[in-house]
Amino acid sequence: MTVLFAPEAEADFAKLGQRIFEVIDRLAAEEYQGPETALANGERVNSWPVPPFRIYYQRTPTGLWILRIYHQARR
């Protein structure tokens, strides 16, 4: 099966990806610090919204660890 994207859909996808990576860059630069929360498995992490998504991450001594990127409507 072939999947085709209309130019508008490609642009929408590119914009969303760009927004997510801009926030990740700012998190890595420690410009943002999201609230601490718990994942479903109980692991304590920080998160930051990029509507309609939320980035879950942890800071480590060597960098930024992106754990999940969830749609905010998802539990």
PDB file of N, CA and C in Angstrom:
ATOM      1  N   MET A   1       0.838  -1.175   0.000  1.00  0.00           N
ATOM      2  CA  MET A   1       0.000   0.000   0.000  1.00  0.00           C
ATOM      3  C   MET A   1       0.886   1.242   0.000  1.00  0.00           C
ATOM      4  N   THR A   2       0.580   2.186  -0.816  1.00  0.00           N
ATOM      5  CA  THR A   2       1.311   3.446  -0.902  1.00  0.00           C
ATOM      6  C   THR A   2       0.616   4.491  -0.038  1.00  0.00           C
ATOM      7  N   VAL A   3       1.395   5.216   0.722  1.00  0.00           N
ATOM      8  CA  VAL A   3       0.870   6.312   1.538  1.00  0.00           C
ATOM      9  C   VAL A   3       1.361   7.610   0.932  1.00  0.00           C
ATOM     10  N   LEU A   4       0.441   8.499   0.676  1.00  0.00           N
ATOM     11  CA  LEU A   4       0.777   9.799   0.093  1.00  0.00           C
ATOM     12  C   LEU A   4       0.337  10.910   1.044  1.00  0.00           C
ATOM     13  N   PHE A   5       1.128  11.927   1.133  1.00  0.00           N
ATOM     14  CA  PHE A   5       0.805  13.091   1.958  1.00  0.00           C
ATOM     15  C   PHE A   5       0.536  14.286   1.055  1.00  0.00           C
ATOM     16  N   ALA A   6      -0.530  14.991   1.320  1.00  0.00           N
ATOM     17  CA  ALA A   6      -0.775  16.259   0.647  1.00  0.00           C
ATOM     18  C   ALA A   6       0.278  17.244   1.143  1.00  0.00           C
ATOM     19  N   PRO A   7       0.633  18.235   0.349  1.00  0.00           N
ATOM     20  CA  PRO A   7       1.632  19.210   0.791  1.00  0.00           C
ATOM     21  C   PRO A   7       1.270  19.863   2.134  1.00  0.00           C
ATOM     22  N   GLU A   8      -0.020  20.097   2.342  1.00  0.00           N
ATOM     23  CA  GLU A   8      -0.444  20.709   3.602  1.00  0.00           C
ATOM     24  C   GLU A   8      -0.189  19.770   4.782  1.00  0.00           C
ATOM     25  N   ALA A   9      -0.411  18.469   4.580  1.00  0.00           N
ATOM     26  CA  ALA A   9      -0.158  17.491   5.643  1.00  0.00           C
ATOM     27  C   ALA A   9       1.340  17.397   5.940  1.00  0.00           C
ATOM     28  N   GLU A  10       2.159  17.436   4.909  1.00  0.00           N
ATOM     29  CA  GLU A  10       3.618  17.432   5.111  1.00  0.00           C
ATOM     30  C   GLU A  10       4.053  18.649   5.907  1.00  0.00           C
ATOM     31  N   ALA A  11       3.481  19.812   5.575  1.00  0.00           N
ATOM     32  CA  ALA A  11       3.827  21.048   6.288  1.00  0.00           C
ATOM     33  C   ALA A  11       3.389  20.970   7.750  1.00  0.00           C
ATOM     34  N   ASP A  12       2.196  20.429   7.996  1.00  0.00           N
ATOM     35  CA  ASP A  12       1.712  20.274   9.371  1.00  0.00           C
ATOM     36  C   ASP A  12       2.650  19.383  10.172  1.00  0.00           C
ATOM     37  N   PHE A  13       3.050  18.264   9.588  1.00  0.00           N
ATOM     38  CA  PHE A  13       3.938  17.312  10.249  1.00  0.00           C
ATOM     39  C   PHE A  13       5.299  17.945  10.530  1.00  0.00           C
ATOM     40  N   ALA A  14       5.819  18.669   9.565  1.00  0.00           N
ATOM     41  CA  ALA A  14       7.123  19.326   9.735  1.00  0.00           C
ATOM     42  C   ALA A  14       7.069  20.371  10.848  1.00  0.00           C
ATOM     43  N   LYS A  15       5.977  21.151  10.906  1.00  0.00           N
ATOM     44  CA  LYS A  15       5.846  22.177  11.948  1.00  0.00           C
ATOM     45  C   LYS A  15       5.792  21.556  13.332  1.00  0.00           C
ATOM     46  N   LEU A  16       5.042  20.467  13.459  1.00  0.00           N
ATOM     47  CA  LEU A  16       4.936  19.798  14.745  1.00  0.00           C
ATOM     48  C   LEU A  16       6.303  19.267  15.185  1.00  0.00           C
ATOM     49  N   GLY A  17       7.006  18.609  14.277  1.00  0.00           N
ATOM     50  CA  GLY A  17       8.347  18.108  14.591  1.00  0.00           C
ATOM     51  C   GLY A  17       9.290  19.233  14.976  1.00  0.00           C
ATOM     52  N   GLN A  18       9.203  20.339  14.260  1.00  0.00           N
ATOM     53  CA  GLN A  18      10.069  21.485  14.556  1.00  0.00           C
ATOM     54  C   GLN A  18       9.776  22.028  15.951  1.00  0.00           C
ATOM     55  N   ARG A  19       8.492  22.143  16.311  1.00  0.00           N
ATOM     56  CA  ARG A  19       8.121  22.639  17.646  1.00  0.00           C
ATOM     57  C   ARG A  19       8.661  21.719  18.735  1.00  0.00           C
ATOM     58  N   ILE A  20       8.527  20.415  18.537  1.00  0.00           N
ATOM     59  CA  ILE A  20       9.009  19.459  19.534  1.00  0.00           C
ATOM     60  C   ILE A  20      10.520  19.565  19.689  1.00  0.00           C
ATOM     61  N   PHE A  21      11.263  19.620  18.587  1.00  0.00           N
ATOM     62  CA  PHE A  21      12.722  19.702  18.680  1.00  0.00           C
ATOM     63  C   PHE A  21      13.192  21.040  19.242  1.00  0.00           C
ATOM     64  N   GLU A  22      12.457  22.128  19.003  1.00  0.00           N
ATOM     65  CA  GLU A  22      12.821  23.412  19.610  1.00  0.00           C
ATOM     66  C   GLU A  22      12.712  23.341  21.131  1.00  0.00           C
ATOM     67  N   VAL A  23      11.642  22.713  21.620  1.00  0.00           N
ATOM     68  CA  VAL A  23      11.481  22.567  23.068  1.00  0.00           C
ATOM     69  C   VAL A  23      12.563  21.656  23.638  1.00  0.00           C
ATOM     70  N   ILE A  24      12.873  20.563  22.966  1.00  0.00           N
ATOM     71  CA  ILE A  24      13.930  19.666  23.434  1.00  0.00           C
ATOM     72  C   ILE A  24      15.259  20.412  23.511  1.00  0.00           C
ATOM     73  N   ASP A  25      15.556  21.245  22.525  1.00  0.00           N
ATOM     74  CA  ASP A  25      16.784  22.050  22.568  1.00  0.00           C
ATOM     75  C   ASP A  25      16.798  22.964  23.790  1.00  0.00           C
ATOM     76  N   ARG A  26      15.654  23.562  24.115  1.00  0.00           N
ATOM     77  CA  ARG A  26      15.584  24.467  25.264  1.00  0.00           C
ATOM     78  C   ARG A  26      15.679  23.704  26.581  1.00  0.00           C
ATOM     79  N   LEU A  27      15.080  22.513  26.606  1.00  0.00           N
ATOM     80  CA  LEU A  27      15.228  21.674  27.798  1.00  0.00           C
ATOM     81  C   LEU A  27      16.694  21.293  27.986  1.00  0.00           C
ATOM     82  N   ALA A  28      17.368  20.942  26.913  1.00  0.00           N
ATOM     83  CA  ALA A  28      18.783  20.564  26.988  1.00  0.00           C
ATOM     84  C   ALA A  28      19.645  21.736  27.446  1.00  0.00           C
ATOM     85  N   ALA A  29      19.264  22.936  27.052  1.00  0.00           N
ATOM     86  CA  ALA A  29      20.004  24.132  27.460  1.00  0.00           C
ATOM     87  C   ALA A  29      19.610  24.594  28.869  1.00  0.00           C
ATOM     88  N   GLU A  30      18.705  23.854  29.508  1.00  0.00           N
ATOM     89  CA  GLU A  30      18.209  24.153  30.845  1.00  0.00           C
ATOM     90  C   GLU A  30      17.493  25.485  30.929  1.00  0.00           C
ATOM     91  N   GLU A  31      16.885  25.896  29.808  1.00  0.00           N
ATOM     92  CA  GLU A  31      16.050  27.098  29.814  1.00  0.00           C
ATOM     93  C   GLU A  31      14.687  26.802  30.430  1.00  0.00           C
ATOM     94  N   TYR A  32      14.240  25.560  30.312  1.00  0.00           N
ATOM     95  CA  TYR A  32      12.957  25.120  30.853  1.00  0.00           C
ATOM     96  C   TYR A  32      13.208  24.030  31.878  1.00  0.00           C
ATOM     97  N   GLN A  33      12.349  23.980  32.898  1.00  0.00           N
ATOM     98  CA  GLN A  33      12.357  22.893  33.865  1.00  0.00           C
ATOM     99  C   GLN A  33      10.906  22.591  34.186  1.00  0.00           C
ATOM    100  N   GLY A  34      10.414  21.482  33.677  1.00  0.00           N
ATOM    101  CA  GLY A  34       9.024  21.114  33.882  1.00  0.00           C
ATOM    102  C   GLY A  34       8.783  20.507  35.241  1.00  0.00           C
ATOM    103  N   PRO A  35       7.516  20.393  35.607  1.00  0.00           N
ATOM    104  CA  PRO A  35       7.180  19.809  36.902  1.00  0.00           C
ATOM    105  C   PRO A  35       7.508  18.327  36.952  1.00  0.00           C
ATOM    106  N   GLU A  36       7.769  17.852  38.171  1.00  0.00           N
ATOM    107  CA  GLU A  36       8.023  16.424  38.355  1.00  0.00           C
ATOM    108  C   GLU A  36       6.697  15.688  38.385  1.00  0.00           C
ATOM    109  N   THR A  37       6.677  14.523  37.780  1.00  0.00           N
ATOM    110  CA  THR A  37       5.485  13.688  37.732  1.00  0.00           C
ATOM    111  C   THR A  37       5.917  12.230  37.726  1.00  0.00           C
ATOM    112  N   ALA A  38       4.955  11.324  37.753  1.00  0.00           N
ATOM    113  CA  ALA A  38       5.268   9.898  37.722  1.00  0.00           C
ATOM    114  C   ALA A  38       4.701   9.273  36.458  1.00  0.00           C
ATOM    115  N   LEU A  39       5.496   8.422  35.825  1.00  0.00           N
ATOM    116  CA  LEU A  39       4.996   7.637  34.699  1.00  0.00           C
ATOM    117  C   LEU A  39       4.124   6.516  35.238  1.00  0.00           C
ATOM    118  N   ALA A  40       3.456   5.802  34.338  1.00  0.00           N
ATOM    119  CA  ALA A  40       2.579   4.695  34.742  1.00  0.00           C
ATOM    120  C   ALA A  40       3.325   3.633  35.548  1.00  0.00           C
ATOM    121  N   ASN A  41       4.629   3.471  35.282  1.00  0.00           N
ATOM    122  CA  ASN A  41       5.418   2.467  36.008  1.00  0.00           C
ATOM    123  C   ASN A  41       5.946   2.994  37.345  1.00  0.00           C
ATOM    124  N   GLY A  42       5.581   4.237  37.704  1.00  0.00           N
ATOM    125  CA  GLY A  42       5.994   4.827  38.974  1.00  0.00           C
ATOM    126  C   GLY A  42       7.289   5.610  38.916  1.00  0.00           C
ATOM    127  N   GLU A  43       7.985   5.560  37.787  1.00  0.00           N
ATOM    128  CA  GLU A  43       9.258   6.285  37.642  1.00  0.00           C
ATOM    129  C   GLU A  43       9.022   7.792  37.704  1.00  0.00           C
ATOM    130  N   ARG A  44       9.824   8.501  38.492  1.00  0.00           N
ATOM    131  CA  ARG A  44       9.704   9.959  38.636  1.00  0.00           C
ATOM    132  C   ARG A  44      10.468  10.637  37.509  1.00  0.00           C
ATOM    133  N   VAL A  45       9.779  11.520  36.805  1.00  0.00           N
ATOM    134  CA  VAL A  45      10.356  12.224  35.661  1.00  0.00           C
ATOM    135  C   VAL A  45       9.842  13.654  35.657  1.00  0.00           C
ATOM    136  N   ASN A  46      10.387  14.463  34.771  1.00  0.00           N
ATOM    137  CA  ASN A  46       9.866  15.802  34.522  1.00  0.00           C
ATOM    138  C   ASN A  46       9.135  15.780  33.194  1.00  0.00           C
ATOM    139  N   SER A  47       8.275  16.775  32.996  1.00  0.00           N
ATOM    140  CA  SER A  47       7.558  16.841  31.721  1.00  0.00           C
ATOM    141  C   SER A  47       7.395  18.292  31.287  1.00  0.00           C
ATOM    142  N   TRP A  48       7.181  18.457  29.984  1.00  0.00           N
ATOM    143  CA  TRP A  48       6.958  19.787  29.420  1.00  0.00           C
ATOM    144  C   TRP A  48       5.960  19.659  28.274  1.00  0.00           C
ATOM    145  N   PRO A  49       4.949  20.569  28.230  1.00  0.00           N
ATOM    146  CA  PRO A  49       3.946  20.470  27.178  1.00  0.00           C
ATOM    147  C   PRO A  49       4.404  21.073  25.856  1.00  0.00           C
ATOM    148  N   VAL A  50       4.027  20.402  24.795  1.00  0.00           N
ATOM    149  CA  VAL A  50       4.126  20.927  23.427  1.00  0.00           C
ATOM    150  C   VAL A  50       2.788  20.526  22.798  1.00  0.00           C
ATOM    151  N   PRO A  51       1.732  21.311  23.076  1.00  0.00           N
ATOM    152  CA  PRO A  51       0.385  20.886  22.672  1.00  0.00           C
ATOM    153  C   PRO A  51       0.315  20.458  21.212  1.00  0.00           C
ATOM    154  N   PRO A  52      -0.341  19.334  20.988  1.00  0.00           N
ATOM    155  CA  PRO A  52      -1.126  18.499  21.900  1.00  0.00           C
ATOM    156  C   PRO A  52      -0.315  17.393  22.569  1.00  0.00           C
ATOM    157  N   PHE A  53       1.008  17.515  22.605  1.00  0.00           N
ATOM    158  CA  PHE A  53       1.857  16.483  23.186  1.00  0.00           C
ATOM    159  C   PHE A  53       2.498  16.955  24.478  1.00  0.00           C
ATOM    160  N   ARG A  54       3.068  16.015  25.209  1.00  0.00           N
ATOM    161  CA  ARG A  54       3.846  16.307  26.409  1.00  0.00           C
ATOM    162  C   ARG A  54       5.105  15.460  26.341  1.00  0.00           C
ATOM    163  N   ILE A  55       6.248  16.107  26.576  1.00  0.00           N
ATOM    164  CA  ILE A  55       7.547  15.440  26.562  1.00  0.00           C
ATOM    165  C   ILE A  55       7.896  15.053  27.996  1.00  0.00           C
ATOM    166  N   TYR A  56       8.217  13.781  28.207  1.00  0.00           N
ATOM    167  CA  TYR A  56       8.654  13.285  29.511  1.00  0.00           C
ATOM    168  C   TYR A  56      10.157  13.043  29.435  1.00  0.00           C
ATOM    169  N   TYR A  57      10.888  13.565  30.411  1.00  0.00           N
ATOM    170  CA  TYR A  57      12.347  13.519  30.334  1.00  0.00           C
ATOM    171  C   TYR A  57      12.978  13.449  31.711  1.00  0.00           C
ATOM    172  N   GLN A  58      14.255  13.122  31.722  1.00  0.00           N
ATOM    173  CA  GLN A  58      15.090  13.178  32.926  1.00  0.00           C
ATOM    174  C   GLN A  58      16.412  13.834  32.553  1.00  0.00           C
ATOM    175  N   ARG A  59      16.913  14.598  33.471  1.00  0.00           N
ATOM    176  CA  ARG A  59      18.271  15.143  33.315  1.00  0.00           C
ATOM    177  C   ARG A  59      19.249  14.157  33.937  1.00  0.00           C
ATOM    178  N   THR A  60      20.361  13.947  33.266  1.00  0.00           N
ATOM    179  CA  THR A  60      21.409  13.079  33.793  1.00  0.00           C
ATOM    180  C   THR A  60      22.692  13.899  33.857  1.00  0.00           C
ATOM    181  N   PRO A  61      23.724  13.405  34.521  1.00  0.00           N
ATOM    182  CA  PRO A  61      24.989  14.142  34.559  1.00  0.00           C
ATOM    183  C   PRO A  61      25.581  14.374  33.167  1.00  0.00           C
ATOM    184  N   THR A  62      25.213  13.526  32.212  1.00  0.00           N
ATOM    185  CA  THR A  62      25.795  13.656  30.873  1.00  0.00           C
ATOM    186  C   THR A  62      24.850  14.251  29.836  1.00  0.00           C
ATOM    187  N   GLY A  63      23.605  14.534  30.211  1.00  0.00           N
ATOM    188  CA  GLY A  63      22.713  15.118  29.211  1.00  0.00           C
ATOM    189  C   GLY A  63      21.248  15.013  29.577  1.00  0.00           C
ATOM    190  N   LEU A  64      20.439  15.076  28.545  1.00  0.00           N
ATOM    191  CA  LEU A  64      18.986  15.046  28.673  1.00  0.00           C
ATOM    192  C   LEU A  64      18.486  13.745  28.077  1.00  0.00           C
ATOM    193  N   TRP A  65      17.691  12.999  28.822  1.00  0.00           N
ATOM    194  CA  TRP A  65      17.172  11.716  28.392  1.00  0.00           C
ATOM    195  C   TRP A  65      15.682  11.884  28.116  1.00  0.00           C
ATOM    196  N   ILE A  66      15.282  11.841  26.838  1.00  0.00           N
ATOM    197  CA  ILE A  66      13.872  11.930  26.459  1.00  0.00           C
ATOM    198  C   ILE A  66      13.285  10.528  26.594  1.00  0.00           C
ATOM    199  N   LEU A  67      12.295  10.391  27.479  1.00  0.00           N
ATOM    200  CA  LEU A  67      11.737   9.083  27.777  1.00  0.00           C
ATOM    201  C   LEU A  67      10.504   8.763  26.937  1.00  0.00           C
ATOM    202  N   ARG A  68       9.606   9.714  26.827  1.00  0.00           N
ATOM    203  CA  ARG A  68       8.369   9.498  26.076  1.00  0.00           C
ATOM    204  C   ARG A  68       7.894  10.827  25.526  1.00  0.00           C
ATOM    205  N   ILE A  69       7.122  10.742  24.445  1.00  0.00           N
ATOM    206  CA  ILE A  69       6.400  11.900  23.919  1.00  0.00           C
ATOM    207  C   ILE A  69       4.980  11.402  23.702  1.00  0.00           C
ATOM    208  N   TYR A  70       4.085  11.804  24.586  1.00  0.00           N
ATOM    209  CA  TYR A  70       2.700  11.328  24.561  1.00  0.00           C
ATOM    210  C   TYR A  70       1.753  12.421  24.099  1.00  0.00           C
ATOM    211  N   HIS A  71       0.683  12.031  23.454  1.00  0.00           N
ATOM    212  CA  HIS A  71      -0.428  12.936  23.205  1.00  0.00           C
ATOM    213  C   HIS A  71      -1.072  13.210  24.574  1.00  0.00           C
ATOM    214  N   GLN A  72      -1.389  14.454  24.876  1.00  0.00           N
ATOM    215  CA  GLN A  72      -1.877  14.793  26.206  1.00  0.00           C
ATOM    216  C   GLN A  72      -3.243  14.197  26.525  1.00  0.00           C
ATOM    217  N   ALA A  73      -3.992  13.792  25.503  1.00  0.00           N
ATOM    218  CA  ALA A  73      -5.289  13.156  25.768  1.00  0.00           C
ATOM    219  C   ALA A  73      -5.118  11.703  26.203  1.00  0.00           C
ATOM    220  N   ARG A  74      -3.935  11.146  26.010  1.00  0.00           N
ATOM    221  CA  ARG A  74      -3.669   9.760  26.376  1.00  0.00           C
ATOM    222  C   ARG A  74      -3.338   9.660  27.850  1.00  0.00           C
ATOM    223  N   ARG A  75      -3.822   8.639  28.498  1.00  0.00           N
ATOM    224  CA  ARG A  75      -3.526   8.437  29.925  1.00  0.00           C
ATOM    225  C   ARG A  75      -2.208   7.754  30.097  1.00  0.00           C
TER     226      ARG A  75
END
